[in-house]
Protein backbone atom coordinates (compact mmCIF):
# COMPACT_ATOMS: atom_id res chain seq x y z
CA MET A 1 -10.71 12.54 -2.49
CA LYS A 2 -11.20 9.67 -0.21
CA ARG A 3 -11.37 7.45 -3.20
CA THR A 4 -7.68 6.58 -3.10
CA LEU A 5 -6.30 3.61 -3.45
CA LEU A 6 -5.46 1.89 -0.45
CA LEU A 7 -5.02 -1.04 -2.41
CA SER A 8 -2.01 0.65 -3.47
CA LEU A 9 -0.96 -1.45 -0.97
CA ALA A 10 -0.97 -3.95 -3.51
CA ALA A 11 1.73 -2.60 -5.41
CA VAL A 12 4.66 -3.81 -5.70
CA ALA A 13 6.47 -5.56 -8.13
CA ILE A 14 8.31 -3.68 -10.83
CA VAL A 15 12.13 -3.77 -11.11
CA VAL A 16 13.96 -1.18 -12.47
CA ALA A 17 17.60 -2.34 -13.95
CA ALA A 18 20.07 0.41 -14.97
CA CYS A 19 22.48 -0.49 -17.62
CA GLY A 20 25.65 1.55 -18.19
CA GLY A 21 28.90 1.56 -19.93
CA THR A 22 32.40 0.66 -18.53
CA ALA A 23 35.30 3.39 -18.11
CA ALA A 24 36.92 1.48 -21.13
CA SER A 25 34.09 2.13 -23.38
CA PRO A 26 34.74 4.84 -25.68
CA THR A 27 31.12 5.51 -26.12
CA PRO A 28 28.79 4.98 -23.05
CA ALA A 29 26.04 2.35 -23.48
CA PRO A 30 22.75 4.30 -24.20
CA ALA A 31 20.61 4.23 -21.11
CA THR A 32 17.69 2.06 -20.66
CA PRO A 33 14.53 4.11 -21.19
CA ALA A 34 11.89 3.88 -18.10
CA PRO A 35 8.78 2.49 -19.45
CA SER A 36 5.90 5.06 -20.41
CA ALA A 37 3.18 5.55 -18.48
CA ALA A 38 0.85 3.79 -20.97
CA ALA A 39 3.20 0.51 -20.72
CA MET A 40 3.00 0.53 -17.22
CA GLY A 41 0.01 -1.07 -15.38
CA ASP A 42 -2.18 0.50 -12.63
CA ILE A 43 -1.64 0.23 -8.98
CA VAL A 44 -3.73 -2.85 -8.84
CA GLU A 45 -2.23 -4.31 -11.74
CA THR A 46 1.14 -3.51 -10.59
CA ALA A 47 0.48 -5.32 -7.06
CA THR A 48 -1.22 -8.24 -8.91
CA ALA A 49 1.78 -8.81 -10.62
CA ALA A 50 4.38 -8.39 -7.77
CA GLY A 51 2.48 -11.34 -6.22
CA SER A 52 3.38 -10.37 -2.49
CA PHE A 53 0.06 -8.34 -2.02
CA LYS A 54 -2.48 -11.04 -2.40
CA THR A 55 -3.94 -10.24 1.02
CA LEU A 56 -3.94 -6.16 0.20
CA LEU A 57 -5.56 -6.72 -2.85
CA THR A 58 -8.21 -9.47 -1.04
CA ALA A 59 -8.84 -6.47 1.40
CA ALA A 60 -9.19 -3.87 -1.34
CA THR A 61 -11.84 -5.98 -2.77
CA ALA A 62 -13.97 -6.63 0.26
CA ALA A 63 -13.58 -2.62 1.15
CA GLY A 64 -14.59 -1.85 -2.30
CA LEU A 65 -11.51 0.25 -3.25
CA VAL A 66 -10.48 -1.60 -6.45
CA ASP A 67 -12.15 0.95 -8.81
CA THR A 68 -10.79 3.58 -6.86
CA LEU A 69 -6.99 2.19 -7.06
CA LYS A 70 -7.69 1.48 -10.66
CA GLY A 71 -8.75 5.18 -11.17
CA PRO A 72 -6.52 8.03 -12.54
CA GLY A 73 -4.95 8.96 -9.44
CA PRO A 74 -2.15 9.77 -8.79
CA PHE A 75 -1.77 8.10 -5.45
CA THR A 76 1.13 7.15 -3.34
CA VAL A 77 0.39 3.74 -1.42
CA PHE A 78 2.22 2.45 1.19
CA ALA A 79 1.60 -1.26 0.53
CA PRO A 80 1.95 -3.83 3.45
CA THR A 81 3.20 -7.28 1.96
CA ASP A 82 1.38 -10.37 2.48
CA ASP A 83 3.85 -11.10 5.43
CA ALA A 84 2.99 -7.69 6.79
CA PHE A 85 -0.49 -8.83 7.23
CA ALA A 86 0.43 -12.20 8.76
CA LYS A 87 1.94 -10.11 11.50
CA LEU A 88 -1.57 -8.85 12.76
CA PRO A 89 -2.85 -10.55 15.86
CA ALA A 90 -4.81 -13.58 15.25
CA GLY A 91 -8.05 -13.14 13.86
CA THR A 92 -7.69 -9.43 13.28
CA LEU A 93 -7.76 -9.78 9.42
CA ASP A 94 -10.71 -11.87 9.36
CA THR A 95 -12.75 -9.42 11.75
CA LEU A 96 -11.59 -6.52 9.34
CA LEU A 97 -12.75 -8.52 6.15
CA ALA A 98 -16.20 -9.02 8.02
CA ASP A 99 -16.31 -5.08 8.57
CA PRO A 100 -15.86 -3.51 5.25
CA ALA A 101 -16.29 0.33 6.65
CA ALA A 102 -13.45 -0.45 9.10
CA LEU A 103 -11.30 -2.28 6.51
CA LYS A 104 -11.73 0.60 4.20
CA ASP A 105 -10.59 3.24 6.84
CA ILE A 106 -7.54 1.38 7.68
CA LEU A 107 -6.57 0.86 3.54
CA LEU A 108 -7.15 4.51 3.21
CA TYR A 109 -4.81 5.49 5.88
CA HIS A 110 -1.97 3.90 3.82
CA VAL A 111 -2.81 5.86 0.62
CA VAL A 112 -1.73 9.66 0.18
CA GLU A 113 -3.01 11.62 -2.75
CA GLY A 114 -0.35 12.82 -5.33
CA LYS A 115 2.81 10.97 -6.46
CA VAL A 116 5.20 11.20 -3.50
CA MET A 117 8.82 9.63 -4.75
CA ALA A 118 11.19 8.45 -1.76
CA ALA A 119 13.16 11.43 -2.25
CA ASP A 120 10.43 13.68 -1.30
CA VAL A 121 9.20 11.25 1.50
CA THR A 122 12.55 11.40 3.10
CA THR A 123 12.18 15.35 3.67
CA MET A 124 8.82 14.76 5.25
CA THR A 125 7.86 14.64 8.87
CA SER A 126 4.54 13.61 7.97
CA ALA A 127 1.75 13.23 5.54
CA THR A 128 -2.04 13.30 5.31
CA SER A 129 -3.31 10.26 4.35
CA VAL A 130 -6.79 9.93 2.26
CA GLN A 131 -8.42 8.63 5.16
CA GLY A 132 -7.95 11.89 6.81
CA SER A 133 -5.40 11.28 9.48
CA PRO A 134 -1.47 12.00 9.46
CA ILE A 135 1.21 9.43 9.12
CA ALA A 136 4.29 10.20 10.82
CA ILE A 137 7.39 10.04 8.89
CA ALA A 138 10.86 9.51 10.46
CA VAL A 139 14.37 8.57 8.94
CA LYS A 140 16.37 6.76 11.33
CA ASP A 141 19.78 5.16 10.38
CA GLY A 142 19.13 6.05 6.60
CA LYS A 143 15.61 3.94 6.75
CA VAL A 144 12.26 5.50 6.54
CA TYR A 145 9.61 4.56 9.11
CA LEU A 146 5.88 5.06 9.21
CA ASN A 147 4.47 5.76 12.68
CA ASP A 148 7.61 4.31 14.36
CA SER A 149 6.17 0.81 13.48
CA ALA A 150 6.53 0.27 9.80
CA GLN A 151 9.59 0.14 7.87
CA VAL A 152 9.72 1.17 4.20
CA VAL A 153 11.68 -1.44 2.38
CA THR A 154 11.01 -1.23 -1.29
CA THR A 155 10.45 2.39 -2.82
CA ASP A 156 9.40 3.85 -6.09
CA ILE A 157 7.43 1.06 -7.78
CA GLU A 158 5.94 3.33 -10.39
CA ALA A 159 2.55 2.36 -11.86
CA SER A 160 0.37 4.44 -14.49
CA ASN A 161 -1.58 6.24 -11.67
CA GLY A 162 0.92 6.59 -8.64
CA VAL A 163 3.49 5.04 -6.81
CA ILE A 164 3.96 2.23 -4.18
CA HIS A 165 6.30 1.82 -1.43
CA VAL A 166 6.47 -1.32 0.23
CA ILE A 167 6.04 -1.70 3.80
CA ASP A 168 6.95 -4.34 6.43
CA ALA A 169 3.53 -3.82 8.67
CA VAL A 170 0.41 -2.55 8.58
CA ILE A 171 -0.25 0.80 10.08
CA LEU A 172 -3.39 1.83 11.95
CA PRO A 173 -5.07 5.21 12.12
CA PRO A 174 -5.44 6.91 15.33
CA THR A 175 -8.58 6.11 16.92
CA LYS A 176 -11.21 8.51 16.62
């Protein structure tokens, strides 16, 4: 299902806060319920609300992937931030934006079918991207890395149609 949501990249800005009672309380405070799927936005809406995925969303629009990322999913998006895109060599992003097919290939490499939460990712050594190529996954010193180049810096940002994991670099599929 190549219509995955690369844009998921987008993703990123729901913060989950937990409330709990203290040991001195005779009755623990009720847990704050998680938002329902209906209350959550899709991957694109979640990424837009986060504010740090403008480049990813621009790229997803140029590649024609926005509708896919707004689709039913579920998708797991390893979403590079604006800072991650800024690390690309000068001119790379402009070149990709002018080549929607190549851009789509790269963006789909950031998406995995299904909703893969952080606890599951840490037990994997690879995942097949929607683009078709595997993404290598390694845990080093308690941190998760993709292809030994991008670190997962924020996990489990849930959306109505999947989950976003924020990464600090753009990952590139192997050349064919």
